[in-house]
Amino acid sequence: LPGTNQKTETCSFQFNISEIVTCCLSGISESHSCVHPGYITLVCPAKAAAVKQFQDMPICAILIDGDLTETYHHLGFNRLENMSIFSENVPHSKESSSLWVDSIMDILIQSN
């Protein structure tokens, strides 16, 4: 049969990468942290203009390798009603970098 050796793949989900904004937020030290609604972090003046464009917009935030999991969080953190945790154990070693990327892509797709 023609084409029997050709691999055909179908994807039921279209991932629109243009709607994803990625930023690395280093945060502030634990000694200067506080509990406050939303996510608060120190942003340098160069990045402040980029962050300002998201003001008053509904945002879906995903913390990757953050200090917020199903079993661990800041003592003053109140769980939000619309918060979901998709994975606690994302592999992140040098040997498993492609596995890490695949895991993160799965998390992004699940969160859509």
PDB file of N, CA and C in Angstrom:
ATOM      1  N   LEU A   1       0.827  -1.185   0.000  1.00  0.00           N
ATOM      2  CA  LEU A   1       0.000   0.000   0.000  1.00  0.00           C
ATOM      3  C   LEU A   1       0.870   1.246   0.000  1.00  0.00           C
ATOM      4  N   PRO A   2       0.522   2.223  -0.823  1.00  0.00           N
ATOM      5  CA  PRO A   2       1.302   3.462  -0.814  1.00  0.00           C
ATOM      6  C   PRO A   2       1.136   4.208   0.508  1.00  0.00           C
ATOM      7  N   GLY A   3       2.258   4.668   1.025  1.00  0.00           N
ATOM      8  CA  GLY A   3       2.205   5.474   2.243  1.00  0.00           C
ATOM      9  C   GLY A   3       2.133   4.683   3.534  1.00  0.00           C
ATOM     10  N   THR A   4       2.253   3.357   3.478  1.00  0.00           N
ATOM     11  CA  THR A   4       2.163   2.595   4.721  1.00  0.00           C
ATOM     12  C   THR A   4       3.370   2.820   5.606  1.00  0.00           C
ATOM     13  N   ASN A   5       4.496   3.210   5.026  1.00  0.00           N
ATOM     14  CA  ASN A   5       5.692   3.463   5.828  1.00  0.00           C
ATOM     15  C   ASN A   5       5.763   4.904   6.312  1.00  0.00           C
ATOM     16  N   GLN A   6       4.835   5.733   5.872  1.00  0.00           N
ATOM     17  CA  GLN A   6       4.839   7.124   6.302  1.00  0.00           C
ATOM     18  C   GLN A   6       4.125   7.253   7.638  1.00  0.00           C
ATOM     19  N   LYS A   7       4.722   8.012   8.512  1.00  0.00           N
ATOM     20  CA  LYS A   7       4.140   8.231   9.837  1.00  0.00           C
ATOM     21  C   LYS A   7       3.159   9.393   9.758  1.00  0.00           C
ATOM     22  N   THR A   8       1.938   9.153  10.145  1.00  0.00           N
ATOM     23  CA  THR A   8       0.947  10.224  10.160  1.00  0.00           C
ATOM     24  C   THR A   8       0.593  10.535  11.599  1.00  0.00           C
ATOM     25  N   GLU A   9       0.594  11.805  11.893  1.00  0.00           N
ATOM     26  CA  GLU A   9       0.267  12.238  13.248  1.00  0.00           C
ATOM     27  C   GLU A   9      -0.883  13.227  13.181  1.00  0.00           C
ATOM     28  N   THR A  10      -1.800  13.082  14.091  1.00  0.00           N
ATOM     29  CA  THR A  10      -2.880  14.053  14.190  1.00  0.00           C
ATOM     30  C   THR A  10      -2.819  14.693  15.559  1.00  0.00           C
ATOM     31  N   CYS A  11      -3.086  15.946  15.587  1.00  0.00           N
ATOM     32  CA  CYS A  11      -3.053  16.689  16.844  1.00  0.00           C
ATOM     33  C   CYS A  11      -4.431  17.288  17.072  1.00  0.00           C
ATOM     34  N   SER A  12      -5.052  16.927  18.178  1.00  0.00           N
ATOM     35  CA  SER A  12      -6.388  17.435  18.462  1.00  0.00           C
ATOM     36  C   SER A  12      -6.352  18.787  19.169  1.00  0.00           C
ATOM     37  N   PHE A  13      -5.176  19.279  19.457  1.00  0.00           N
ATOM     38  CA  PHE A  13      -5.046  20.528  20.205  1.00  0.00           C
ATOM     39  C   PHE A  13      -4.061  21.442  19.499  1.00  0.00           C
ATOM     40  N   GLN A  14      -4.460  22.660  19.242  1.00  0.00           N
ATOM     41  CA  GLN A  14      -3.576  23.660  18.658  1.00  0.00           C
ATOM     42  C   GLN A  14      -3.059  24.547  19.784  1.00  0.00           C
ATOM     43  N   PHE A  15      -1.761  24.596  19.958  1.00  0.00           N
ATOM     44  CA  PHE A  15      -1.156  25.395  21.014  1.00  0.00           C
ATOM     45  C   PHE A  15      -0.706  26.718  20.415  1.00  0.00           C
ATOM     46  N   ASN A  16      -1.337  27.808  20.810  1.00  0.00           N
ATOM     47  CA  ASN A  16      -1.035  29.121  20.257  1.00  0.00           C
ATOM     48  C   ASN A  16       0.075  29.773  21.068  1.00  0.00           C
ATOM     49  N   ILE A  17       1.299  29.618  20.602  1.00  0.00           N
ATOM     50  CA  ILE A  17       2.458  30.120  21.332  1.00  0.00           C
ATOM     51  C   ILE A  17       2.473  31.648  21.384  1.00  0.00           C
ATOM     52  N   SER A  18       1.773  32.315  20.468  1.00  0.00           N
ATOM     53  CA  SER A  18       1.771  33.781  20.457  1.00  0.00           C
ATOM     54  C   SER A  18       1.041  34.363  21.662  1.00  0.00           C
ATOM     55  N   GLU A  19       0.235  33.555  22.342  1.00  0.00           N
ATOM     56  CA  GLU A  19      -0.481  34.043  23.517  1.00  0.00           C
ATOM     57  C   GLU A  19       0.259  33.757  24.823  1.00  0.00           C
ATOM     58  N   ILE A  20       1.440  33.188  24.727  1.00  0.00           N
ATOM     59  CA  ILE A  20       2.238  32.866  25.910  1.00  0.00           C
ATOM     60  C   ILE A  20       3.281  33.960  26.116  1.00  0.00           C
ATOM     61  N   VAL A  21       3.334  34.486  27.311  1.00  0.00           N
ATOM     62  CA  VAL A  21       4.372  35.440  27.682  1.00  0.00           C
ATOM     63  C   VAL A  21       5.195  34.773  28.768  1.00  0.00           C
ATOM     64  N   THR A  22       6.474  34.660  28.529  1.00  0.00           N
ATOM     65  CA  THR A  22       7.356  33.996  29.483  1.00  0.00           C
ATOM     66  C   THR A  22       8.285  35.026  30.103  1.00  0.00           C
ATOM     67  N   CYS A  23       8.396  34.986  31.411  1.00  0.00           N
ATOM     68  CA  CYS A  23       9.345  35.868  32.067  1.00  0.00           C
ATOM     69  C   CYS A  23       9.942  35.132  33.260  1.00  0.00           C
ATOM     70  N   CYS A  24      11.181  35.422  33.513  1.00  0.00           N
ATOM     71  CA  CYS A  24      11.873  34.821  34.647  1.00  0.00           C
ATOM     72  C   CYS A  24      11.790  35.804  35.805  1.00  0.00           C
ATOM     73  N   LEU A  25      11.137  35.390  36.864  1.00  0.00           N
ATOM     74  CA  LEU A  25      10.985  36.241  38.038  1.00  0.00           C
ATOM     75  C   LEU A  25      11.794  35.647  39.180  1.00  0.00           C
ATOM     76  N   SER A  26      12.852  36.323  39.527  1.00  0.00           N
ATOM     77  CA  SER A  26      13.715  35.784  40.578  1.00  0.00           C
ATOM     78  C   SER A  26      13.129  35.969  41.965  1.00  0.00           C
ATOM     79  N   GLY A  27      12.248  36.920  42.128  1.00  0.00           N
ATOM     80  CA  GLY A  27      11.638  37.140  43.431  1.00  0.00           C
ATOM     81  C   GLY A  27      12.570  37.847  44.390  1.00  0.00           C
ATOM     82  N   ILE A  28      12.067  38.081  45.564  1.00  0.00           N
ATOM     83  CA  ILE A  28      12.864  38.737  46.589  1.00  0.00           C
ATOM     84  C   ILE A  28      13.212  37.711  47.655  1.00  0.00           C
ATOM     85  N   SER A  29      14.164  38.046  48.490  1.00  0.00           N
ATOM     86  CA  SER A  29      14.596  37.089  49.501  1.00  0.00           C
ATOM     87  C   SER A  29      13.472  36.821  50.496  1.00  0.00           C
ATOM     88  N   GLU A  30      13.533  35.674  51.122  1.00  0.00           N
ATOM     89  CA  GLU A  30      12.502  35.275  52.085  1.00  0.00           C
ATOM     90  C   GLU A  30      12.378  36.284  53.222  1.00  0.00           C
ATOM     91  N   SER A  31      13.486  36.910  53.608  1.00  0.00           N
ATOM     92  CA  SER A  31      13.442  37.871  54.711  1.00  0.00           C
ATOM     93  C   SER A  31      12.670  39.140  54.340  1.00  0.00           C
ATOM     94  N   HIS A  32      12.499  39.410  53.052  1.00  0.00           N
ATOM     95  CA  HIS A  32      11.755  40.587  52.612  1.00  0.00           C
ATOM     96  C   HIS A  32      10.390  40.239  52.033  1.00  0.00           C
ATOM     97  N   SER A  33      10.004  38.969  52.074  1.00  0.00           N
ATOM     98  CA  SER A  33       8.728  38.580  51.471  1.00  0.00           C
ATOM     99  C   SER A  33       7.575  38.859  52.427  1.00  0.00           C
ATOM    100  N   CYS A  34       6.402  38.967  51.864  1.00  0.00           N
ATOM    101  CA  CYS A  34       5.208  39.162  52.663  1.00  0.00           C
ATOM    102  C   CYS A  34       4.040  38.508  51.952  1.00  0.00           C
ATOM    103  N   VAL A  35       2.966  38.287  52.663  1.00  0.00           N
ATOM    104  CA  VAL A  35       1.780  37.677  52.082  1.00  0.00           C
ATOM    105  C   VAL A  35       0.871  38.794  51.600  1.00  0.00           C
ATOM    106  N   HIS A  36       0.499  38.727  50.358  1.00  0.00           N
ATOM    107  CA  HIS A  36      -0.316  39.776  49.759  1.00  0.00           C
ATOM    108  C   HIS A  36      -1.091  39.163  48.609  1.00  0.00           C
ATOM    109  N   PRO A  37      -2.309  39.619  48.345  1.00  0.00           N
ATOM    110  CA  PRO A  37      -3.045  39.077  47.203  1.00  0.00           C
ATOM    111  C   PRO A  37      -2.261  39.287  45.907  1.00  0.00           C
ATOM    112  N   GLY A  38      -2.197  38.266  45.089  1.00  0.00           N
ATOM    113  CA  GLY A  38      -1.463  38.360  43.833  1.00  0.00           C
ATOM    114  C   GLY A  38      -0.031  37.920  44.009  1.00  0.00           C
ATOM    115  N   TYR A  39       0.746  38.095  42.986  1.00  0.00           N
ATOM    116  CA  TYR A  39       2.160  37.730  43.031  1.00  0.00           C
ATOM    117  C   TYR A  39       2.965  39.012  43.044  1.00  0.00           C
ATOM    118  N   ILE A  40       3.807  39.164  44.031  1.00  0.00           N
ATOM    119  CA  ILE A  40       4.607  40.373  44.164  1.00  0.00           C
ATOM    120  C   ILE A  40       6.066  39.995  44.014  1.00  0.00           C
ATOM    121  N   THR A  41       6.759  40.711  43.165  1.00  0.00           N
ATOM    122  CA  THR A  41       8.183  40.474  42.992  1.00  0.00           C
ATOM    123  C   THR A  41       8.868  41.783  42.631  1.00  0.00           C
ATOM    124  N   LEU A  42      10.142  41.836  42.892  1.00  0.00           N
ATOM    125  CA  LEU A  42      10.936  43.007  42.572  1.00  0.00           C
ATOM    126  C   LEU A  42      11.245  42.981  41.075  1.00  0.00           C
ATOM    127  N   VAL A  43      10.943  44.065  40.378  1.00  0.00           N
ATOM    128  CA  VAL A  43      11.183  44.148  38.939  1.00  0.00           C
ATOM    129  C   VAL A  43      12.078  45.344  38.674  1.00  0.00           C
ATOM    130  N   CYS A  44      13.122  45.134  37.877  1.00  0.00           N
ATOM    131  CA  CYS A  44      14.026  46.239  37.560  1.00  0.00           C
ATOM    132  C   CYS A  44      13.310  47.245  36.658  1.00  0.00           C
ATOM    133  N   PRO A  45      13.741  48.499  36.670  1.00  0.00           N
ATOM    134  CA  PRO A  45      13.083  49.529  35.853  1.00  0.00           C
ATOM    135  C   PRO A  45      13.007  49.174  34.368  1.00  0.00           C
ATOM    136  N   ALA A  46      13.991  48.468  33.852  1.00  0.00           N
ATOM    137  CA  ALA A  46      13.988  48.100  32.436  1.00  0.00           C
ATOM    138  C   ALA A  46      12.825  47.172  32.093  1.00  0.00           C
ATOM    139  N   LYS A  47      12.402  46.337  33.046  1.00  0.00           N
ATOM    140  CA  LYS A  47      11.307  45.399  32.796  1.00  0.00           C
ATOM    141  C   LYS A  47       9.951  45.940  33.252  1.00  0.00           C
ATOM    142  N   ALA A  48       9.952  47.051  33.969  1.00  0.00           N
ATOM    143  CA  ALA A  48       8.702  47.591  34.505  1.00  0.00           C
ATOM    144  C   ALA A  48       7.715  47.952  33.404  1.00  0.00           C
ATOM    145  N   ALA A  49       8.198  48.497  32.295  1.00  0.00           N
ATOM    146  CA  ALA A  49       7.301  48.867  31.194  1.00  0.00           C
ATOM    147  C   ALA A  49       6.639  47.631  30.602  1.00  0.00           C
ATOM    148  N   ALA A  50       7.378  46.542  30.492  1.00  0.00           N
ATOM    149  CA  ALA A  50       6.810  45.303  29.951  1.00  0.00           C
ATOM    150  C   ALA A  50       5.754  44.739  30.886  1.00  0.00           C
ATOM    151  N   VAL A  51       5.992  44.817  32.186  1.00  0.00           N
ATOM    152  CA  VAL A  51       5.040  44.299  33.163  1.00  0.00           C
ATOM    153  C   VAL A  51       3.795  45.177  33.217  1.00  0.00           C
ATOM    154  N   LYS A  52       3.961  46.482  33.053  1.00  0.00           N
ATOM    155  CA  LYS A  52       2.840  47.428  33.148  1.00  0.00           C
ATOM    156  C   LYS A  52       1.751  47.144  32.120  1.00  0.00           C
ATOM    157  N   GLN A  53       2.107  46.600  30.971  1.00  0.00           N
ATOM    158  CA  GLN A  53       1.100  46.338  29.939  1.00  0.00           C
ATOM    159  C   GLN A  53       0.083  45.281  30.372  1.00  0.00           C
ATOM    160  N   PHE A  54       0.398  44.504  31.402  1.00  0.00           N
ATOM    161  CA  PHE A  54      -0.518  43.477  31.888  1.00  0.00           C
ATOM    162  C   PHE A  54      -1.438  43.971  33.005  1.00  0.00           C
ATOM    163  N   GLN A  55      -1.287  45.232  33.400  1.00  0.00           N
ATOM    164  CA  GLN A  55      -2.121  45.793  34.460  1.00  0.00           C
ATOM    165  C   GLN A  55      -3.586  45.744  34.048  1.00  0.00           C
ATOM    166  N   ASP A  56      -4.439  45.359  34.963  1.00  0.00           N
ATOM    167  CA  ASP A  56      -5.891  45.255  34.762  1.00  0.00           C
ATOM    168  C   ASP A  56      -6.297  44.219  33.718  1.00  0.00           C
ATOM    169  N   MET A  57      -5.416  43.277  33.419  1.00  0.00           N
ATOM    170  CA  MET A  57      -5.751  42.196  32.491  1.00  0.00           C
ATOM    171  C   MET A  57      -5.868  40.900  33.280  1.00  0.00           C
ATOM    172  N   PRO A  58      -6.839  40.056  32.935  1.00  0.00           N
ATOM    173  CA  PRO A  58      -6.886  38.742  33.588  1.00  0.00           C
ATOM    174  C   PRO A  58      -5.699  37.914  33.105  1.00  0.00           C
ATOM    175  N   ILE A  59      -4.973  37.363  34.036  1.00  0.00           N
ATOM    176  CA  ILE A  59      -3.756  36.631  33.692  1.00  0.00           C
ATOM    177  C   ILE A  59      -3.812  35.235  34.286  1.00  0.00           C
ATOM    178  N   CYS A  60      -3.435  34.276  33.504  1.00  0.00           N
ATOM    179  CA  CYS A  60      -3.251  32.910  33.990  1.00  0.00           C
ATOM    180  C   CYS A  60      -1.757  32.743  34.214  1.00  0.00           C
ATOM    181  N   ALA A  61      -1.348  32.573  35.447  1.00  0.00           N
ATOM    182  CA  ALA A  61       0.072  32.452  35.768  1.00  0.00           C
ATOM    183  C   ALA A  61       0.404  31.010  36.092  1.00  0.00           C
ATOM    184  N   ILE A  62       1.526  30.577  35.597  1.00  0.00           N
ATOM    185  CA  ILE A  62       2.015  29.234  35.891  1.00  0.00           C
ATOM    186  C   ILE A  62       3.396  29.385  36.508  1.00  0.00           C
ATOM    187  N   LEU A  63       3.552  28.911  37.735  1.00  0.00           N
ATOM    188  CA  LEU A  63       4.851  28.954  38.398  1.00  0.00           C
ATOM    189  C   LEU A  63       5.550  27.629  38.142  1.00  0.00           C
ATOM    190  N   ILE A  64       6.683  27.680  37.484  1.00  0.00           N
ATOM    191  CA  ILE A  64       7.445  26.473  37.181  1.00  0.00           C
ATOM    192  C   ILE A  64       8.675  26.476  38.075  1.00  0.00           C
ATOM    193  N   ASP A  65       8.880  25.381  38.781  1.00  0.00           N
ATOM    194  CA  ASP A  65       9.957  25.279  39.763  1.00  0.00           C
ATOM    195  C   ASP A  65       9.811  26.343  40.839  1.00  0.00           C
ATOM    196  N   GLY A  66       8.574  26.675  41.189  1.00  0.00           N
ATOM    197  CA  GLY A  66       8.323  27.677  42.216  1.00  0.00           C
ATOM    198  C   GLY A  66       8.156  27.034  43.578  1.00  0.00           C
ATOM    199  N   ASP A  67       8.004  27.850  44.583  1.00  0.00           N
ATOM    200  CA  ASP A  67       7.830  27.360  45.948  1.00  0.00           C
ATOM    201  C   ASP A  67       6.362  27.277  46.321  1.00  0.00           C
ATOM    202  N   LEU A  68       5.547  26.785  45.417  1.00  0.00           N
ATOM    203  CA  LEU A  68       4.124  26.644  45.674  1.00  0.00           C
ATOM    204  C   LEU A  68       3.683  25.310  45.100  1.00  0.00           C
ATOM    205  N   THR A  69       3.431  24.358  45.968  1.00  0.00           N
ATOM    206  CA  THR A  69       3.006  23.034  45.526  1.00  0.00           C
ATOM    207  C   THR A  69       1.788  22.624  46.336  1.00  0.00           C
ATOM    208  N   GLU A  70       1.258  21.463  46.021  1.00  0.00           N
ATOM    209  CA  GLU A  70       0.094  20.951  46.741  1.00  0.00           C
ATOM    210  C   GLU A  70       0.413  20.739  48.222  1.00  0.00           C
ATOM    211  N   THR A  71       1.664  20.381  48.530  1.00  0.00           N
ATOM    212  CA  THR A  71       2.032  20.057  49.908  1.00  0.00           C
ATOM    213  C   THR A  71       2.889  21.124  50.588  1.00  0.00           C
ATOM    214  N   TYR A  72       3.360  22.123  49.845  1.00  0.00           N
ATOM    215  CA  TYR A  72       4.203  23.150  50.452  1.00  0.00           C
ATOM    216  C   TYR A  72       3.809  24.524  49.920  1.00  0.00           C
ATOM    217  N   HIS A  73       3.672  25.474  50.817  1.00  0.00           N
ATOM    218  CA  HIS A  73       3.450  26.866  50.445  1.00  0.00           C
ATOM    219  C   HIS A  73       3.748  27.740  51.657  1.00  0.00           C
ATOM    220  N   HIS A  74       3.898  29.022  51.420  1.00  0.00           N
ATOM    221  CA  HIS A  74       4.126  29.997  52.479  1.00  0.00           C
ATOM    222  C   HIS A  74       2.986  29.883  53.494  1.00  0.00           C
ATOM    223  N   LEU A  75       3.291  29.977  54.776  1.00  0.00           N
ATOM    224  CA  LEU A  75       2.280  29.801  55.821  1.00  0.00           C
ATOM    225  C   LEU A  75       1.111  30.768  55.692  1.00  0.00           C
ATOM    226  N   GLY A  76       1.340  31.960  55.179  1.00  0.00           N
ATOM    227  CA  GLY A  76       0.266  32.933  55.051  1.00  0.00           C
ATOM    228  C   GLY A  76      -0.477  32.867  53.733  1.00  0.00           C
ATOM    229  N   PHE A  77      -0.100  31.921  52.865  1.00  0.00           N
ATOM    230  CA  PHE A  77      -0.743  31.831  51.554  1.00  0.00           C
ATOM    231  C   PHE A  77      -2.137  31.248  51.686  1.00  0.00           C
ATOM    232  N   ASN A  78      -3.108  31.922  51.113  1.00  0.00           N
ATOM    233  CA  ASN A  78      -4.475  31.409  51.066  1.00  0.00           C
ATOM    234  C   ASN A  78      -4.729  30.866  49.671  1.00  0.00           C
ATOM    235  N   ARG A  79      -5.153  29.620  49.592  1.00  0.00           N
ATOM    236  CA  ARG A  79      -5.388  29.003  48.287  1.00  0.00           C
ATOM    237  C   ARG A  79      -6.482  29.760  47.549  1.00  0.00           C
ATOM    238  N   LEU A  80      -6.217  30.070  46.299  1.00  0.00           N
ATOM    239  CA  LEU A  80      -7.192  30.747  45.462  1.00  0.00           C
ATOM    240  C   LEU A  80      -8.190  29.735  44.927  1.00  0.00           C
ATOM    241  N   GLU A  81      -9.428  30.172  44.729  1.00  0.00           N
ATOM    242  CA  GLU A  81     -10.463  29.263  44.247  1.00  0.00           C
ATOM    243  C   GLU A  81     -10.158  28.727  42.860  1.00  0.00           C
ATOM    244  N   ASN A  82      -9.570  29.540  42.008  1.00  0.00           N
ATOM    245  CA  ASN A  82      -9.337  29.124  40.635  1.00  0.00           C
ATOM    246  C   ASN A  82      -7.916  28.627  40.384  1.00  0.00           C
ATOM    247  N   MET A  83      -7.232  28.182  41.427  1.00  0.00           N
ATOM    248  CA  MET A  83      -5.865  27.724  41.288  1.00  0.00           C
ATOM    249  C   MET A  83      -5.816  26.216  41.118  1.00  0.00           C
ATOM    250  N   SER A  84      -5.022  25.772  40.163  1.00  0.00           N
ATOM    251  CA  SER A  84      -4.820  24.341  39.947  1.00  0.00           C
ATOM    252  C   SER A  84      -3.335  24.055  39.963  1.00  0.00           C
ATOM    253  N   ILE A  85      -2.965  22.934  40.543  1.00  0.00           N
ATOM    254  CA  ILE A  85      -1.578  22.489  40.510  1.00  0.00           C
ATOM    255  C   ILE A  85      -1.535  21.269  39.616  1.00  0.00           C
ATOM    256  N   PHE A  86      -0.717  21.326  38.566  1.00  0.00           N
ATOM    257  CA  PHE A  86      -0.677  20.257  37.586  1.00  0.00           C
ATOM    258  C   PHE A  86       0.401  19.229  37.886  1.00  0.00           C
ATOM    259  N   SER A  87       1.521  19.649  38.441  1.00  0.00           N
ATOM    260  CA  SER A  87       2.611  18.717  38.689  1.00  0.00           C
ATOM    261  C   SER A  87       3.506  19.256  39.786  1.00  0.00           C
ATOM    262  N   GLU A  88       3.902  18.362  40.654  1.00  0.00           N
ATOM    263  CA  GLU A  88       4.850  18.756  41.692  1.00  0.00           C
ATOM    264  C   GLU A  88       6.259  18.296  41.376  1.00  0.00           C
ATOM    265  N   ASN A  89       6.396  17.237  40.615  1.00  0.00           N
ATOM    266  CA  ASN A  89       7.696  16.607  40.412  1.00  0.00           C
ATOM    267  C   ASN A  89       8.124  16.669  38.955  1.00  0.00           C
ATOM    268  N   VAL A  90       8.402  17.867  38.471  1.00  0.00           N
ATOM    269  CA  VAL A  90       8.890  18.017  37.111  1.00  0.00           C
ATOM    270  C   VAL A  90      10.390  17.761  37.133  1.00  0.00           C
ATOM    271  N   PRO A  91      10.863  16.796  36.338  1.00  0.00           N
ATOM    272  CA  PRO A  91      12.299  16.501  36.348  1.00  0.00           C
ATOM    273  C   PRO A  91      13.090  17.692  35.812  1.00  0.00           C
ATOM    274  N   HIS A  92      14.227  17.994  36.413  1.00  0.00           N
ATOM    275  CA  HIS A  92      15.022  19.120  35.936  1.00  0.00           C
ATOM    276  C   HIS A  92      16.516  18.870  36.092  1.00  0.00           C
ATOM    277  N   SER A  93      16.983  17.743  35.622  1.00  0.00           N
ATOM    278  CA  SER A  93      18.412  17.469  35.626  1.00  0.00           C
ATOM    279  C   SER A  93      18.954  17.660  34.214  1.00  0.00           C
ATOM    280  N   LYS A  94      20.267  17.761  34.090  1.00  0.00           N
ATOM    281  CA  LYS A  94      20.879  17.944  32.774  1.00  0.00           C
ATOM    282  C   LYS A  94      20.562  16.772  31.854  1.00  0.00           C
ATOM    283  N   GLU A  95      20.536  15.578  32.398  1.00  0.00           N
ATOM    284  CA  GLU A  95      20.282  14.387  31.593  1.00  0.00           C
ATOM    285  C   GLU A  95      18.847  14.331  31.091  1.00  0.00           C
ATOM    286  N   SER A  96      17.947  14.985  31.769  1.00  0.00           N
ATOM    287  CA  SER A  96      16.537  14.872  31.404  1.00  0.00           C
ATOM    288  C   SER A  96      15.970  16.196  30.890  1.00  0.00           C
ATOM    289  N   SER A  97      16.791  16.993  30.205  1.00  0.00           N
ATOM    290  CA  SER A  97      16.310  18.297  29.751  1.00  0.00           C
ATOM    291  C   SER A  97      15.174  18.165  28.746  1.00  0.00           C
ATOM    292  N   SER A  98      15.248  17.190  27.843  1.00  0.00           N
ATOM    293  CA  SER A  98      14.150  17.031  26.882  1.00  0.00           C
ATOM    294  C   SER A  98      12.901  16.519  27.587  1.00  0.00           C
ATOM    295  N   LEU A  99      13.073  15.682  28.597  1.00  0.00           N
ATOM    296  CA  LEU A  99      11.932  15.216  29.387  1.00  0.00           C
ATOM    297  C   LEU A  99      11.303  16.387  30.137  1.00  0.00           C
ATOM    298  N   TRP A 100      12.143  17.303  30.645  1.00  0.00           N
ATOM    299  CA  TRP A 100      11.644  18.482  31.336  1.00  0.00           C
ATOM    300  C   TRP A 100      10.819  19.346  30.391  1.00  0.00           C
ATOM    301  N   VAL A 101      11.331  19.590  29.183  1.00  0.00           N
ATOM    302  CA  VAL A 101      10.604  20.402  28.202  1.00  0.00           C
ATOM    303  C   VAL A 101       9.271  19.748  27.865  1.00  0.00           C
ATOM    304  N   ASP A 102       9.272  18.434  27.652  1.00  0.00           N
ATOM    305  CA  ASP A 102       8.021  17.719  27.364  1.00  0.00           C
ATOM    306  C   ASP A 102       7.035  17.854  28.518  1.00  0.00           C
ATOM    307  N   SER A 103       7.528  17.744  29.753  1.00  0.00           N
ATOM    308  CA  SER A 103       6.659  17.869  30.927  1.00  0.00           C
ATOM    309  C   SER A 103       6.061  19.265  31.027  1.00  0.00           C
ATOM    310  N   ILE A 104       6.870  20.287  30.775  1.00  0.00           N
ATOM    311  CA  ILE A 104       6.385  21.663  30.831  1.00  0.00           C
ATOM    312  C   ILE A 104       5.362  21.912  29.733  1.00  0.00           C
ATOM    313  N   MET A 105       5.608  21.392  28.539  1.00  0.00           N
ATOM    314  CA  MET A 105       4.631  21.547  27.455  1.00  0.00           C
ATOM    315  C   MET A 105       3.313  20.876  27.824  1.00  0.00           C
ATOM    316  N   ASP A 106       3.376  19.705  28.444  1.00  0.00           N
ATOM    317  CA  ASP A 106       2.150  19.031  28.890  1.00  0.00           C
ATOM    318  C   ASP A 106       1.393  19.887  29.906  1.00  0.00           C
ATOM    319  N   ILE A 107       2.128  20.509  30.835  1.00  0.00           N
ATOM    320  CA  ILE A 107       1.500  21.367  31.840  1.00  0.00           C
ATOM    321  C   ILE A 107       0.839  22.571  31.174  1.00  0.00           C
ATOM    322  N   LEU A 108       1.527  23.188  30.216  1.00  0.00           N
ATOM    323  CA  LEU A 108       0.950  24.336  29.518  1.00  0.00           C
ATOM    324  C   LEU A 108      -0.304  23.952  28.753  1.00  0.00           C
ATOM    325  N   ILE A 109      -0.286  22.801  28.116  1.00  0.00           N
ATOM    326  CA  ILE A 109      -1.457  22.337  27.364  1.00  0.00           C
ATOM    327  C   ILE A 109      -2.613  22.041  28.308  1.00  0.00           C
ATOM    328  N   GLN A 110      -2.331  21.403  29.450  1.00  0.00           N
ATOM    329  CA  GLN A 110      -3.380  21.095  30.429  1.00  0.00           C
ATOM    330  C   GLN A 110      -4.003  22.360  30.999  1.00  0.00           C
ATOM    331  N   SER A 111      -3.214  23.412  31.113  1.00  0.00           N
ATOM    332  CA  SER A 111      -3.716  24.629  31.752  1.00  0.00           C
ATOM    333  C   SER A 111      -4.548  25.488  30.819  1.00  0.00           C
ATOM    334  N   ASN A 112      -4.543  25.185  29.558  1.00  0.00           N
ATOM    335  CA  ASN A 112      -5.275  25.998  28.582  1.00  0.00           C
ATOM    336  C   ASN A 112      -6.765  25.816  28.717  1.00  0.00           C
TER     337      ASN A 112
END
